[in-house]
PDB file of N, CA and C in Angstrom:
ATOM      1  N   UNK A   1    -170.822 -65.024 177.452  1.00  0.00           N
ATOM      2  CA  UNK A   1    -171.368 -65.708 178.591  1.00  0.00           C
ATOM      3  C   UNK A   1    -170.782 -65.118 179.866  1.00  0.00           C
ATOM      4  N   UNK A   2    -171.630 -64.729 180.780  1.00  0.00           N
ATOM      5  CA  UNK A   2    -171.146 -64.244 182.072  1.00  0.00           C
ATOM      6  C   UNK A   2    -170.986 -65.446 182.983  1.00  0.00           C
ATOM      7  N   UNK A   3    -169.896 -65.518 183.688  1.00  0.00           N
ATOM      8  CA  UNK A   3    -169.641 -66.652 184.558  1.00  0.00           C
ATOM      9  C   UNK A   3    -169.194 -66.140 185.910  1.00  0.00           C
ATOM     10  N   UNK A   4    -169.833 -66.648 186.970  1.00  0.00           N
ATOM     11  CA  UNK A   4    -169.470 -66.245 188.332  1.00  0.00           C
ATOM     12  C   UNK A   4    -167.987 -66.518 188.568  1.00  0.00           C
ATOM     13  N   UNK A   5    -167.301 -65.547 189.135  1.00  0.00           N
ATOM     14  CA  UNK A   5    -165.876 -65.702 189.385  1.00  0.00           C
ATOM     15  C   UNK A   5    -165.043 -65.506 188.133  1.00  0.00           C
ATOM     16  N   UNK A   6    -165.632 -64.895 187.129  1.00  0.00           N
ATOM     17  CA  UNK A   6    -164.958 -64.728 185.852  1.00  0.00           C
ATOM     18  C   UNK A   6    -163.735 -63.831 185.919  1.00  0.00           C
ATOM     19  N   UNK A   7    -162.899 -63.957 184.899  1.00  0.00           N
ATOM     20  CA  UNK A   7    -161.649 -63.210 184.818  1.00  0.00           C
ATOM     21  C   UNK A   7    -161.778 -61.944 183.966  1.00  0.00           C
ATOM     22  N   UNK A   8    -162.995 -61.641 183.515  1.00  0.00           N
ATOM     23  CA  UNK A   8    -163.198 -60.496 182.639  1.00  0.00           C
ATOM     24  C   UNK A   8    -162.708 -59.182 183.222  1.00  0.00           C
ATOM     25  N   UNK A   9    -162.906 -58.991 184.511  1.00  0.00           N
ATOM     26  CA  UNK A   9    -162.478 -57.741 185.145  1.00  0.00           C
ATOM     27  C   UNK A   9    -160.965 -57.662 185.294  1.00  0.00           C
ATOM     28  N   UNK A  10    -160.297 -58.785 185.127  1.00  0.00           N
ATOM     29  CA  UNK A  10    -158.838 -58.831 185.280  1.00  0.00           C
ATOM     30  C   UNK A  10    -158.094 -58.808 183.950  1.00  0.00           C
ATOM     31  N   UNK A  11    -158.815 -58.723 182.842  1.00  0.00           N
ATOM     32  CA  UNK A  11    -158.171 -58.829 181.525  1.00  0.00           C
ATOM     33  C   UNK A  11    -157.029 -57.841 181.332  1.00  0.00           C
ATOM     34  N   UNK A  12    -157.225 -56.613 181.747  1.00  0.00           N
ATOM     35  CA  UNK A  12    -156.172 -55.609 181.576  1.00  0.00           C
ATOM     36  C   UNK A  12    -154.867 -56.035 182.221  1.00  0.00           C
ATOM     37  N   UNK A  13    -154.955 -56.642 183.376  1.00  0.00           N
ATOM     38  CA  UNK A  13    -153.763 -57.122 184.069  1.00  0.00           C
ATOM     39  C   UNK A  13    -153.241 -58.418 183.450  1.00  0.00           C
ATOM     40  N   UNK A  14    -154.147 -59.317 183.111  1.00  0.00           N
ATOM     41  CA  UNK A  14    -153.733 -60.607 182.553  1.00  0.00           C
ATOM     42  C   UNK A  14    -153.067 -60.473 181.190  1.00  0.00           C
ATOM     43  N   UNK A  15    -153.465 -59.486 180.412  1.00  0.00           N
ATOM     44  CA  UNK A  15    -152.901 -59.305 179.071  1.00  0.00           C
ATOM     45  C   UNK A  15    -151.397 -59.085 179.093  1.00  0.00           C
ATOM     46  N   UNK A  16    -150.874 -58.566 180.193  1.00  0.00           N
ATOM     47  CA  UNK A  16    -149.428 -58.355 180.311  1.00  0.00           C
ATOM     48  C   UNK A  16    -148.658 -59.679 180.282  1.00  0.00           C
ATOM     49  N   UNK A  17    -149.347 -60.778 180.565  1.00  0.00           N
ATOM     50  CA  UNK A  17    -148.695 -62.081 180.646  1.00  0.00           C
ATOM     51  C   UNK A  17    -148.913 -62.939 179.403  1.00  0.00           C
ATOM     52  N   UNK A  18    -149.629 -62.422 178.424  1.00  0.00           N
ATOM     53  CA  UNK A  18    -149.836 -63.187 177.182  1.00  0.00           C
ATOM     54  C   UNK A  18    -148.496 -63.334 176.469  1.00  0.00           C
ATOM     55  N   UNK A  19    -148.112 -64.556 176.124  1.00  0.00           N
ATOM     56  CA  UNK A  19    -146.804 -64.773 175.481  1.00  0.00           C
ATOM     57  C   UNK A  19    -146.866 -64.801 173.957  1.00  0.00           C
ATOM     58  N   UNK A  20    -147.989 -64.436 173.361  1.00  0.00           N
ATOM     59  CA  UNK A  20    -148.181 -64.677 171.938  1.00  0.00           C
ATOM     60  C   UNK A  20    -147.455 -63.697 171.015  1.00  0.00           C
ATOM     61  N   UNK A  21    -146.868 -62.666 171.574  1.00  0.00           N
ATOM     62  CA  UNK A  21    -146.093 -61.773 170.711  1.00  0.00           C
ATOM     63  C   UNK A  21    -144.846 -62.501 170.191  1.00  0.00           C
ATOM     64  N   UNK A  22    -144.461 -63.559 170.891  1.00  0.00           N
ATOM     65  CA  UNK A  22    -143.378 -64.418 170.409  1.00  0.00           C
ATOM     66  C   UNK A  22    -143.976 -65.283 169.299  1.00  0.00           C
ATOM     67  N   UNK A  23    -143.481 -65.167 168.123  1.00  0.00           N
ATOM     68  CA  UNK A  23    -144.085 -65.804 166.946  1.00  0.00           C
ATOM     69  C   UNK A  23    -144.051 -67.330 166.982  1.00  0.00           C
ATOM     70  N   UNK A  24    -143.273 -67.925 167.888  1.00  0.00           N
ATOM     71  CA  UNK A  24    -143.177 -69.380 167.912  1.00  0.00           C
ATOM     72  C   UNK A  24    -144.296 -70.034 168.731  1.00  0.00           C
ATOM     73  N   UNK A  25    -145.162 -69.277 169.352  1.00  0.00           N
ATOM     74  CA  UNK A  25    -146.281 -69.829 170.123  1.00  0.00           C
ATOM     75  C   UNK A  25    -147.527 -69.809 169.248  1.00  0.00           C
ATOM     76  N   UNK A  26    -148.064 -71.005 168.993  1.00  0.00           N
ATOM     77  CA  UNK A  26    -149.216 -71.102 168.107  1.00  0.00           C
ATOM     78  C   UNK A  26    -150.384 -71.857 168.739  1.00  0.00           C
ATOM     79  N   UNK A  27    -150.229 -72.265 170.008  1.00  0.00           N
ATOM     80  CA  UNK A  27    -151.267 -73.023 170.700  1.00  0.00           C
ATOM     81  C   UNK A  27    -151.582 -72.366 172.031  1.00  0.00           C
ATOM     82  N   UNK A  28    -152.817 -72.560 172.461  1.00  0.00           N
ATOM     83  CA  UNK A  28    -153.235 -72.034 173.753  1.00  0.00           C
ATOM     84  C   UNK A  28    -154.094 -73.077 174.456  1.00  0.00           C
ATOM     85  N   UNK A  29    -153.843 -73.289 175.744  1.00  0.00           N
ATOM     86  CA  UNK A  29    -154.660 -74.175 176.567  1.00  0.00           C
ATOM     87  C   UNK A  29    -155.281 -73.346 177.684  1.00  0.00           C
ATOM     88  N   UNK A  30    -156.570 -73.466 177.834  1.00  0.00           N
ATOM     89  CA  UNK A  30    -157.317 -72.720 178.845  1.00  0.00           C
ATOM     90  C   UNK A  30    -157.889 -73.750 179.827  1.00  0.00           C
ATOM     91  N   UNK A  31    -157.216 -73.985 180.980  1.00  0.00           N
ATOM     92  CA  UNK A  31    -157.648 -75.059 181.880  1.00  0.00           C
ATOM     93  C   UNK A  31    -158.919 -74.751 182.671  1.00  0.00           C
ATOM     94  N   UNK A  32    -159.222 -73.495 182.879  1.00  0.00           N
ATOM     95  CA  UNK A  32    -160.409 -73.100 183.635  1.00  0.00           C
ATOM     96  C   UNK A  32    -161.189 -72.091 182.804  1.00  0.00           C
ATOM     97  N   UNK A  33    -161.794 -72.523 181.714  1.00  0.00           N
ATOM     98  CA  UNK A  33    -162.359 -71.604 180.732  1.00  0.00           C
ATOM     99  C   UNK A  33    -163.519 -70.775 181.276  1.00  0.00           C
ATOM    100  N   UNK A  34    -164.356 -71.362 182.104  1.00  0.00           N
ATOM    101  CA  UNK A  34    -165.499 -70.615 182.636  1.00  0.00           C
ATOM    102  C   UNK A  34    -166.259 -69.924 181.517  1.00  0.00           C
ATOM    103  N   UNK A  35    -166.514 -68.643 181.674  1.00  0.00           N
ATOM    104  CA  UNK A  35    -167.222 -67.867 180.660  1.00  0.00           C
ATOM    105  C   UNK A  35    -166.368 -67.507 179.464  1.00  0.00           C
ATOM    106  N   UNK A  36    -165.082 -67.770 179.527  1.00  0.00           N
ATOM    107  CA  UNK A  36    -164.203 -67.607 178.378  1.00  0.00           C
ATOM    108  C   UNK A  36    -163.636 -66.224 178.163  1.00  0.00           C
ATOM    109  N   UNK A  37    -163.623 -65.376 179.185  1.00  0.00           N
ATOM    110  CA  UNK A  37    -163.133 -64.008 178.995  1.00  0.00           C
ATOM    111  C   UNK A  37    -161.711 -63.977 178.433  1.00  0.00           C
ATOM    112  N   UNK A  38    -160.813 -64.735 179.038  1.00  0.00           N
ATOM    113  CA  UNK A  38    -159.424 -64.757 178.566  1.00  0.00           C
ATOM    114  C   UNK A  38    -159.355 -65.419 177.193  1.00  0.00           C
ATOM    115  N   UNK A  39    -160.040 -66.545 177.039  1.00  0.00           N
ATOM    116  CA  UNK A  39    -160.042 -67.251 175.757  1.00  0.00           C
ATOM    117  C   UNK A  39    -160.488 -66.340 174.620  1.00  0.00           C
ATOM    118  N   UNK A  40    -161.615 -65.680 174.773  1.00  0.00           N
ATOM    119  CA  UNK A  40    -162.138 -64.853 173.687  1.00  0.00           C
ATOM    120  C   UNK A  40    -161.285 -63.612 173.455  1.00  0.00           C
ATOM    121  N   UNK A  41    -160.664 -63.102 174.501  1.00  0.00           N
ATOM    122  CA  UNK A  41    -159.741 -61.983 174.327  1.00  0.00           C
ATOM    123  C   UNK A  41    -158.539 -62.425 173.489  1.00  0.00           C
ATOM    124  N   UNK A  42    -157.991 -63.574 173.807  1.00  0.00           N
ATOM    125  CA  UNK A  42    -156.846 -64.098 173.056  1.00  0.00           C
ATOM    126  C   UNK A  42    -157.234 -64.395 171.609  1.00  0.00           C
ATOM    127  N   UNK A  43    -158.402 -65.007 171.403  1.00  0.00           N
ATOM    128  CA  UNK A  43    -158.836 -65.327 170.043  1.00  0.00           C
ATOM    129  C   UNK A  43    -159.070 -64.074 169.201  1.00  0.00           C
ATOM    130  N   UNK A  44    -159.441 -62.979 169.846  1.00  0.00           N
ATOM    131  CA  UNK A  44    -159.638 -61.717 169.120  1.00  0.00           C
ATOM    132  C   UNK A  44    -158.325 -61.033 168.769  1.00  0.00           C
ATOM    133  N   UNK A  45    -157.251 -61.393 169.464  1.00  0.00           N
ATOM    134  CA  UNK A  45    -155.983 -60.688 169.270  1.00  0.00           C
ATOM    135  C   UNK A  45    -154.939 -61.487 168.500  1.00  0.00           C
ATOM    136  N   UNK A  46    -155.024 -62.797 168.525  1.00  0.00           N
ATOM    137  CA  UNK A  46    -153.957 -63.627 167.983  1.00  0.00           C
ATOM    138  C   UNK A  46    -154.526 -64.701 167.069  1.00  0.00           C
ATOM    139  N   UNK A  47    -153.764 -65.060 166.063  1.00  0.00           N
ATOM    140  CA  UNK A  47    -154.137 -66.116 165.131  1.00  0.00           C
ATOM    141  C   UNK A  47    -153.388 -67.384 165.535  1.00  0.00           C
ATOM    142  N   UNK A  48    -154.050 -68.232 166.299  1.00  0.00           N
ATOM    143  CA  UNK A  48    -153.421 -69.446 166.808  1.00  0.00           C
ATOM    144  C   UNK A  48    -153.852 -70.643 165.984  1.00  0.00           C
ATOM    145  N   UNK A  49    -152.973 -71.635 165.917  1.00  0.00           N
ATOM    146  CA  UNK A  49    -153.290 -72.860 165.169  1.00  0.00           C
ATOM    147  C   UNK A  49    -154.213 -73.779 165.945  1.00  0.00           C
ATOM    148  N   UNK A  50    -154.041 -73.849 167.263  1.00  0.00           N
ATOM    149  CA  UNK A  50    -154.819 -74.766 168.096  1.00  0.00           C
ATOM    150  C   UNK A  50    -155.174 -74.109 169.417  1.00  0.00           C
ATOM    151  N   UNK A  51    -156.382 -74.401 169.877  1.00  0.00           N
ATOM    152  CA  UNK A  51    -156.839 -73.924 171.175  1.00  0.00           C
ATOM    153  C   UNK A  51    -157.507 -75.091 171.877  1.00  0.00           C
ATOM    154  N   UNK A  52    -157.145 -75.298 173.133  1.00  0.00           N
ATOM    155  CA  UNK A  52    -157.720 -76.370 173.940  1.00  0.00           C
ATOM    156  C   UNK A  52    -158.365 -75.742 175.167  1.00  0.00           C
ATOM    157  N   UNK A  53    -159.613 -76.143 175.444  1.00  0.00           N
ATOM    158  CA  UNK A  53    -160.274 -75.615 176.627  1.00  0.00           C
ATOM    159  C   UNK A  53    -160.689 -76.761 177.539  1.00  0.00           C
ATOM    160  N   UNK A  54    -160.775 -76.456 178.821  1.00  0.00           N
ATOM    161  CA  UNK A  54    -161.192 -77.428 179.811  1.00  0.00           C
ATOM    162  C   UNK A  54    -161.854 -76.684 180.959  1.00  0.00           C
ATOM    163  N   UNK A  55    -162.657 -77.411 181.705  1.00  0.00           N
ATOM    164  CA  UNK A  55    -163.270 -76.876 182.916  1.00  0.00           C
ATOM    165  C   UNK A  55    -163.833 -78.063 183.675  1.00  0.00           C
ATOM    166  N   UNK A  56    -163.920 -77.954 184.978  1.00  0.00           N
ATOM    167  CA  UNK A  56    -164.475 -79.035 185.784  1.00  0.00           C
ATOM    168  C   UNK A  56    -165.981 -79.169 185.582  1.00  0.00           C
ATOM    169  N   UNK A  57    -166.626 -78.115 185.097  1.00  0.00           N
ATOM    170  CA  UNK A  57    -168.068 -78.098 184.888  1.00  0.00           C
ATOM    171  C   UNK A  57    -168.387 -78.758 183.542  1.00  0.00           C
ATOM    172  N   UNK A  58    -168.836 -80.000 183.606  1.00  0.00           N
ATOM    173  CA  UNK A  58    -169.101 -80.779 182.382  1.00  0.00           C
ATOM    174  C   UNK A  58    -170.201 -80.146 181.535  1.00  0.00           C
ATOM    175  N   UNK A  59    -171.216 -79.570 182.172  1.00  0.00           N
ATOM    176  CA  UNK A  59    -172.304 -78.943 181.419  1.00  0.00           C
ATOM    177  C   UNK A  59    -171.804 -77.732 180.635  1.00  0.00           C
ATOM    178  N   UNK A  60    -170.888 -77.003 181.221  1.00  0.00           N
ATOM    179  CA  UNK A  60    -170.305 -75.849 180.539  1.00  0.00           C
ATOM    180  C   UNK A  60    -169.521 -76.297 179.306  1.00  0.00           C
ATOM    181  N   UNK A  61    -168.695 -77.316 179.461  1.00  0.00           N
ATOM    182  CA  UNK A  61    -167.920 -77.821 178.325  1.00  0.00           C
ATOM    183  C   UNK A  61    -168.864 -78.367 177.260  1.00  0.00           C
ATOM    184  N   UNK A  62    -169.926 -79.031 177.677  1.00  0.00           N
ATOM    185  CA  UNK A  62    -170.911 -79.515 176.711  1.00  0.00           C
ATOM    186  C   UNK A  62    -171.519 -78.341 175.940  1.00  0.00           C
ATOM    187  N   UNK A  63    -171.803 -77.243 176.626  1.00  0.00           N
ATOM    188  CA  UNK A  63    -172.351 -76.062 175.946  1.00  0.00           C
ATOM    189  C   UNK A  63    -171.373 -75.543 174.892  1.00  0.00           C
ATOM    190  N   UNK A  64    -170.095 -75.478 175.219  1.00  0.00           N
ATOM    191  CA  UNK A  64    -169.096 -75.042 174.233  1.00  0.00           C
ATOM    192  C   UNK A  64    -169.023 -76.010 173.056  1.00  0.00           C
ATOM    193  N   UNK A  65    -169.133 -77.310 173.331  1.00  0.00           N
ATOM    194  CA  UNK A  65    -169.104 -78.294 172.239  1.00  0.00           C
ATOM    195  C   UNK A  65    -170.299 -78.114 171.312  1.00  0.00           C
ATOM    196  N   UNK A  66    -171.462 -77.892 171.900  1.00  0.00           N
ATOM    197  CA  UNK A  66    -172.664 -77.692 171.082  1.00  0.00           C
ATOM    198  C   UNK A  66    -172.518 -76.432 170.240  1.00  0.00           C
ATOM    199  N   UNK A  67    -172.007 -75.370 170.830  1.00  0.00           N
ATOM    200  CA  UNK A  67    -171.789 -74.132 170.072  1.00  0.00           C
ATOM    201  C   UNK A  67    -170.814 -74.394 168.921  1.00  0.00           C
ATOM    202  N   UNK A  68    -169.773 -75.142 169.189  1.00  0.00           N
ATOM    203  CA  UNK A  68    -168.778 -75.453 168.157  1.00  0.00           C
ATOM    204  C   UNK A  68    -169.332 -76.364 167.059  1.00  0.00           C
ATOM    205  N   UNK A  69    -170.070 -77.397 167.454  1.00  0.00           N
ATOM    206  CA  UNK A  69    -170.442 -78.456 166.522  1.00  0.00           C
ATOM    207  C   UNK A  69    -171.832 -78.316 165.911  1.00  0.00           C
ATOM    208  N   UNK A  70    -172.771 -77.713 166.640  1.00  0.00           N
ATOM    209  CA  UNK A  70    -174.170 -77.678 166.199  1.00  0.00           C
ATOM    210  C   UNK A  70    -174.830 -76.331 166.484  1.00  0.00           C
ATOM    211  N   UNK A  71    -174.152 -75.250 166.180  1.00  0.00           N
ATOM    212  CA  UNK A  71    -174.677 -73.938 166.551  1.00  0.00           C
ATOM    213  C   UNK A  71    -176.024 -73.649 165.887  1.00  0.00           C
ATOM    214  N   UNK A  72    -176.243 -74.100 164.663  1.00  0.00           N
ATOM    215  CA  UNK A  72    -177.522 -73.838 163.994  1.00  0.00           C
ATOM    216  C   UNK A  72    -178.682 -74.528 164.705  1.00  0.00           C
ATOM    217  N   UNK A  73    -178.461 -75.766 165.141  1.00  0.00           N
ATOM    218  CA  UNK A  73    -179.493 -76.492 165.889  1.00  0.00           C
ATOM    219  C   UNK A  73    -179.741 -75.796 167.226  1.00  0.00           C
ATOM    220  N   UNK A  74    -178.676 -75.367 167.876  1.00  0.00           N
ATOM    221  CA  UNK A  74    -178.817 -74.653 169.147  1.00  0.00           C
ATOM    222  C   UNK A  74    -179.640 -73.385 168.973  1.00  0.00           C
ATOM    223  N   UNK A  75    -179.347 -72.623 167.949  1.00  0.00           N
ATOM    224  CA  UNK A  75    -180.085 -71.379 167.698  1.00  0.00           C
ATOM    225  C   UNK A  75    -181.567 -71.671 167.474  1.00  0.00           C
ATOM    226  N   UNK A  76    -181.869 -72.715 166.718  1.00  0.00           N
ATOM    227  CA  UNK A  76    -183.272 -73.091 166.505  1.00  0.00           C
ATOM    228  C   UNK A  76    -183.961 -73.440 167.821  1.00  0.00           C
ATOM    229  N   UNK A  77    -183.275 -74.194 168.661  1.00  0.00           N
ATOM    230  CA  UNK A  77    -183.854 -74.591 169.952  1.00  0.00           C
ATOM    231  C   UNK A  77    -184.050 -73.378 170.856  1.00  0.00           C
ATOM    232  N   UNK A  78    -183.070 -72.491 170.884  1.00  0.00           N
ATOM    233  CA  UNK A  78    -183.192 -71.289 171.712  1.00  0.00           C
ATOM    234  C   UNK A  78    -184.311 -70.383 171.207  1.00  0.00           C
ATOM    235  N   UNK A  79    -184.453 -70.295 169.909  1.00  0.00           N
ATOM    236  CA  UNK A  79    -185.521 -69.496 169.319  1.00  0.00           C
ATOM    237  C   UNK A  79    -186.887 -70.071 169.711  1.00  0.00           C
ATOM    238  N   UNK A  80    -187.018 -71.407 169.684  1.00  0.00           N
ATOM    239  CA  UNK A  80    -188.276 -72.048 170.082  1.00  0.00           C
ATOM    240  C   UNK A  80    -188.574 -71.786 171.554  1.00  0.00           C
ATOM    241  N   UNK A  81    -187.565 -71.904 172.411  1.00  0.00           N
ATOM    242  CA  UNK A  81    -187.757 -71.602 173.831  1.00  0.00           C
ATOM    243  C   UNK A  81    -188.161 -70.143 174.029  1.00  0.00           C
ATOM    244  N   UNK A  82    -187.515 -69.256 173.315  1.00  0.00           N
ATOM    245  CA  UNK A  82    -187.831 -67.831 173.376  1.00  0.00           C
ATOM    246  C   UNK A  82    -189.294 -67.591 173.017  1.00  0.00           C
ATOM    247  N   UNK A  83    -189.744 -68.220 171.935  1.00  0.00           N
ATOM    248  CA  UNK A  83    -191.124 -68.031 171.489  1.00  0.00           C
ATOM    249  C   UNK A  83    -192.145 -68.597 172.466  1.00  0.00           C
ATOM    250  N   UNK A  84    -191.771 -69.628 173.203  1.00  0.00           N
ATOM    251  CA  UNK A  84    -192.654 -70.173 174.236  1.00  0.00           C
ATOM    252  C   UNK A  84    -192.671 -69.278 175.474  1.00  0.00           C
ATOM    253  N   UNK A  85    -191.510 -68.741 175.829  1.00  0.00           N
ATOM    254  CA  UNK A  85    -191.322 -68.033 177.098  1.00  0.00           C
ATOM    255  C   UNK A  85    -191.844 -66.597 177.082  1.00  0.00           C
ATOM    256  N   UNK A  86    -191.502 -65.848 176.055  1.00  0.00           N
ATOM    257  CA  UNK A  86    -191.784 -64.405 176.030  1.00  0.00           C
ATOM    258  C   UNK A  86    -193.267 -64.065 176.181  1.00  0.00           C
ATOM    259  N   UNK A  87    -194.180 -64.783 175.542  1.00  0.00           N
ATOM    260  CA  UNK A  87    -195.595 -64.402 175.677  1.00  0.00           C
ATOM    261  C   UNK A  87    -196.195 -64.665 177.069  1.00  0.00           C
ATOM    262  N   UNK A  88    -195.492 -65.408 177.916  1.00  0.00           N
ATOM    263  CA  UNK A  88    -196.049 -65.796 179.209  1.00  0.00           C
ATOM    264  C   UNK A  88    -196.066 -64.643 180.208  1.00  0.00           C
ATOM    265  N   UNK A  89    -196.992 -64.713 181.143  1.00  0.00           N
ATOM    266  CA  UNK A  89    -197.022 -63.765 182.258  1.00  0.00           C
ATOM    267  C   UNK A  89    -195.849 -64.068 183.188  1.00  0.00           C
ATOM    268  N   UNK A  90    -195.591 -63.188 184.119  1.00  0.00           N
ATOM    269  CA  UNK A  90    -194.479 -63.377 185.045  1.00  0.00           C
ATOM    270  C   UNK A  90    -194.609 -64.678 185.824  1.00  0.00           C
ATOM    271  N   UNK A  91    -195.799 -64.960 186.342  1.00  0.00           N
ATOM    272  CA  UNK A  91    -195.989 -66.197 187.106  1.00  0.00           C
ATOM    273  C   UNK A  91    -195.793 -67.433 186.234  1.00  0.00           C
ATOM    274  N   UNK A  92    -196.291 -67.388 185.017  1.00  0.00           N
ATOM    275  CA  UNK A  92    -196.132 -68.531 184.116  1.00  0.00           C
ATOM    276  C   UNK A  92    -194.681 -68.676 183.665  1.00  0.00           C
ATOM    277  N   UNK A  93    -193.957 -67.560 183.564  1.00  0.00           N
ATOM    278  CA  UNK A  93    -192.532 -67.636 183.234  1.00  0.00           C
ATOM    279  C   UNK A  93    -191.772 -68.351 184.349  1.00  0.00           C
ATOM    280  N   UNK A  94    -192.117 -68.026 185.591  1.00  0.00           N
ATOM    281  CA  UNK A  94    -191.460 -68.685 186.722  1.00  0.00           C
ATOM    282  C   UNK A  94    -191.715 -70.184 186.693  1.00  0.00           C
ATOM    283  N   UNK A  95    -192.944 -70.582 186.424  1.00  0.00           N
ATOM    284  CA  UNK A  95    -193.288 -72.001 186.358  1.00  0.00           C
ATOM    285  C   UNK A  95    -192.578 -72.677 185.186  1.00  0.00           C
ATOM    286  N   UNK A  96    -192.517 -72.005 184.054  1.00  0.00           N
ATOM    287  CA  UNK A  96    -191.837 -72.532 182.862  1.00  0.00           C
ATOM    288  C   UNK A  96    -190.360 -72.772 183.177  1.00  0.00           C
ATOM    289  N   UNK A  97    -189.721 -71.775 183.781  1.00  0.00           N
ATOM    290  CA  UNK A  97    -188.313 -71.898 184.146  1.00  0.00           C
ATOM    291  C   UNK A  97    -188.111 -73.051 185.130  1.00  0.00           C
ATOM    292  N   UNK A  98    -188.962 -73.146 186.145  1.00  0.00           N
ATOM    293  CA  UNK A  98    -188.835 -74.203 187.151  1.00  0.00           C
ATOM    294  C   UNK A  98    -188.955 -75.582 186.500  1.00  0.00           C
ATOM    295  N   UNK A  99    -189.866 -75.719 185.552  1.00  0.00           N
ATOM    296  CA  UNK A  99    -190.054 -76.991 184.862  1.00  0.00           C
ATOM    297  C   UNK A  99    -188.805 -77.353 184.051  1.00  0.00           C
ATOM    298  N   UNK A 100    -188.248 -76.396 183.343  1.00  0.00           N
ATOM    299  CA  UNK A 100    -187.032 -76.643 182.550  1.00  0.00           C
ATOM    300  C   UNK A 100    -185.849 -76.952 183.473  1.00  0.00           C
ATOM    301  N   UNK A 101    -185.732 -76.225 184.575  1.00  0.00           N
ATOM    302  CA  UNK A 101    -184.649 -76.459 185.528  1.00  0.00           C
ATOM    303  C   UNK A 101    -184.769 -77.856 186.131  1.00  0.00           C
ATOM    304  N   UNK A 102    -185.983 -78.254 186.500  1.00  0.00           N
ATOM    305  CA  UNK A 102    -186.193 -79.587 187.065  1.00  0.00           C
ATOM    306  C   UNK A 102    -185.805 -80.672 186.070  1.00  0.00           C
ATOM    307  N   UNK A 103    -186.156 -80.473 184.802  1.00  0.00           N
ATOM    308  CA  UNK A 103    -185.788 -81.452 183.768  1.00  0.00           C
ATOM    309  C   UNK A 103    -184.269 -81.528 183.624  1.00  0.00           C
ATOM    310  N   UNK A 104    -183.611 -80.369 183.599  1.00  0.00           N
ATOM    311  CA  UNK A 104    -182.148 -80.337 183.510  1.00  0.00           C
ATOM    312  C   UNK A 104    -181.536 -81.097 184.682  1.00  0.00           C
ATOM    313  N   UNK A 105    -181.994 -80.812 185.890  1.00  0.00           N
ATOM    314  CA  UNK A 105    -181.442 -81.467 187.075  1.00  0.00           C
ATOM    315  C   UNK A 105    -181.708 -82.966 187.060  1.00  0.00           C
ATOM    316  N   UNK A 106    -182.883 -83.381 186.591  1.00  0.00           N
ATOM    317  CA  UNK A 106    -183.201 -84.798 186.490  1.00  0.00           C
ATOM    318  C   UNK A 106    -182.260 -85.484 185.503  1.00  0.00           C
ATOM    319  N   UNK A 107    -182.040 -84.850 184.363  1.00  0.00           N
ATOM    320  CA  UNK A 107    -181.110 -85.411 183.381  1.00  0.00           C
ATOM    321  C   UNK A 107    -179.698 -85.481 183.940  1.00  0.00           C
ATOM    322  N   UNK A 108    -179.300 -84.444 184.650  1.00  0.00           N
ATOM    323  CA  UNK A 108    -177.939 -84.385 185.197  1.00  0.00           C
ATOM    324  C   UNK A 108    -177.726 -85.467 186.255  1.00  0.00           C
ATOM    325  N   UNK A 109    -178.682 -85.631 187.138  1.00  0.00           N
ATOM    326  CA  UNK A 109    -178.525 -86.570 188.246  1.00  0.00           C
ATOM    327  C   UNK A 109    -178.803 -88.003 187.832  1.00  0.00           C
ATOM    328  N   UNK A 110    -179.886 -88.182 187.084  1.00  0.00           N
ATOM    329  CA  UNK A 110    -180.351 -89.539 186.800  1.00  0.00           C
ATOM    330  C   UNK A 110    -180.106 -89.999 185.372  1.00  0.00           C
ATOM    331  N   UNK A 111    -179.722 -89.078 184.491  1.00  0.00           N
ATOM    332  CA  UNK A 111    -179.605 -89.441 183.088  1.00  0.00           C
ATOM    333  C   UNK A 111    -180.954 -89.828 182.529  1.00  0.00           C
ATOM    334  N   UNK A 112    -181.989 -89.319 183.144  1.00  0.00           N
ATOM    335  CA  UNK A 112    -183.353 -89.696 182.803  1.00  0.00           C
ATOM    336  C   UNK A 112    -183.825 -88.903 181.594  1.00  0.00           C
ATOM    337  N   UNK A 113    -184.245 -89.589 180.566  1.00  0.00           N
ATOM    338  CA  UNK A 113    -184.677 -88.929 179.330  1.00  0.00           C
ATOM    339  C   UNK A 113    -186.165 -88.605 179.306  1.00  0.00           C
ATOM    340  N   UNK A 114    -186.905 -88.909 180.370  1.00  0.00           N
ATOM    341  CA  UNK A 114    -188.331 -88.578 180.365  1.00  0.00           C
ATOM    342  C   UNK A 114    -188.499 -87.069 180.377  1.00  0.00           C
ATOM    343  N   UNK A 115    -189.469 -86.578 179.668  1.00  0.00           N
ATOM    344  CA  UNK A 115    -189.734 -85.147 179.668  1.00  0.00           C
ATOM    345  C   UNK A 115    -190.464 -84.728 180.923  1.00  0.00           C
ATOM    346  N   UNK A 116    -190.296 -83.491 181.318  1.00  0.00           N
ATOM    347  CA  UNK A 116    -191.034 -82.959 182.474  1.00  0.00           C
ATOM    348  C   UNK A 116    -192.147 -82.066 181.984  1.00  0.00           C
TER     349      UNK A 116
END
């Protein structure tokens, strides 16, 4: 996931501060996970017992929870969206995106379950 303001470009520098070479560290907390550049780099390099992530963006954390808990359902939903979107013309794609964005914003602001 690409995230604005991400730490991916800083990984080379940040890796110097990873404390996991000390065998007594088995947990990691990521307070500003964003797109997860540091998190995924650490998970690829170290075998940790526990990892905790947080971010002020509730929708982002919800996305990580869905990936963790219901990835198969997510893949099915994304595949269905893909199949609806790809055959559309450019103008219809824009309208499709706007409709989905409006529904997302309505749910976020109003908790409204009506479909758009």
